Protein backbone atom coordinates (compact mmCIF):
# COMPACT_ATOMS: atom_id res chain seq x y z
CA MET A 1 105.35 161.34 -77.04
CA THR A 2 108.03 158.58 -77.80
CA LEU A 3 108.38 155.90 -75.37
CA GLN A 4 111.34 153.60 -75.33
CA LYS A 5 111.80 150.09 -73.34
CA PRO A 6 114.57 149.54 -71.04
CA GLY A 7 117.68 148.01 -72.83
CA GLU A 8 116.85 149.69 -75.91
CA THR A 9 119.40 152.12 -77.92
CA PRO A 10 118.23 155.52 -76.97
CA ASN A 11 117.09 157.73 -79.95
CA ARG A 12 118.71 160.80 -78.70
CA PRO A 13 120.79 161.72 -75.51
CA GLY A 14 119.09 163.65 -72.86
CA GLU A 15 116.90 163.56 -69.88
CA TYR A 16 114.59 160.60 -69.64
CA LYS A 17 111.81 159.91 -67.12
CA GLU A 18 110.20 156.75 -66.30
CA ARG A 19 106.46 156.25 -67.48
CA GLY A 20 103.88 153.50 -67.19
CA PRO A 21 103.15 150.94 -69.76
CA ARG A 22 100.83 153.17 -71.79
CA GLY A 23 102.67 156.35 -70.99
CA GLY A 24 100.95 157.44 -67.82
CA GLU A 25 102.41 158.94 -64.84
CA VAL A 26 103.93 156.65 -62.11
CA PRO A 27 104.60 157.32 -58.43
CA ASN A 28 108.14 158.35 -57.82
CA PRO A 29 109.44 157.85 -61.32
CA ARG A 30 113.08 157.37 -62.11
CA GLN A 31 114.75 160.08 -63.93
CA VAL A 32 118.21 159.59 -65.64
CA THR A 33 120.60 161.47 -67.90
CA ILE A 34 121.46 159.59 -71.14
CA GLU A 35 124.72 160.59 -72.62
CA PRO A 36 125.96 160.12 -76.18
CA ARG A 37 128.12 157.19 -75.32
CA ASP A 38 125.40 155.35 -73.21
CA PRO A 39 124.79 152.04 -75.33
CA LYS A 40 121.30 151.51 -73.74
CA LEU A 41 118.69 152.61 -71.41
CA PRO A 42 118.63 151.42 -67.93
CA PRO A 43 116.00 149.15 -66.34
CA THR A 44 112.70 150.46 -64.85
CA GLN A 45 111.36 150.05 -61.60
CA LYS A 46 108.70 147.49 -62.85
CA PRO A 47 108.31 145.29 -65.64
CA GLY A 48 106.26 147.13 -68.49
CA HIS A 49 107.23 150.53 -67.62
CA THR A 50 109.06 152.71 -70.46
CA TRP A 51 111.28 155.86 -70.78
CA GLU A 52 110.28 159.25 -72.30
CA ARG A 53 112.63 161.85 -73.30
CA THR A 54 111.88 165.15 -71.61
CA GLY A 55 114.59 167.21 -72.80
CA PRO A 56 118.17 167.94 -73.64
CA PRO A 57 121.10 166.78 -71.17
CA ARG A 58 121.56 169.16 -68.38
CA PRO A 59 124.80 170.84 -68.47
């Protein structure tokens, strides 16, 4: 599991899900689609949360 912080350049485009500070589940997590042209990951709901890539971009 690779976690990335908000504001970082995404390693790969795809579907990303918000995770807790140590990678755990959070209630009502944000889910975003990162396209190849997106410069950085968006903010999370709370400081300290991270993003986990869950799969390729949806068509």
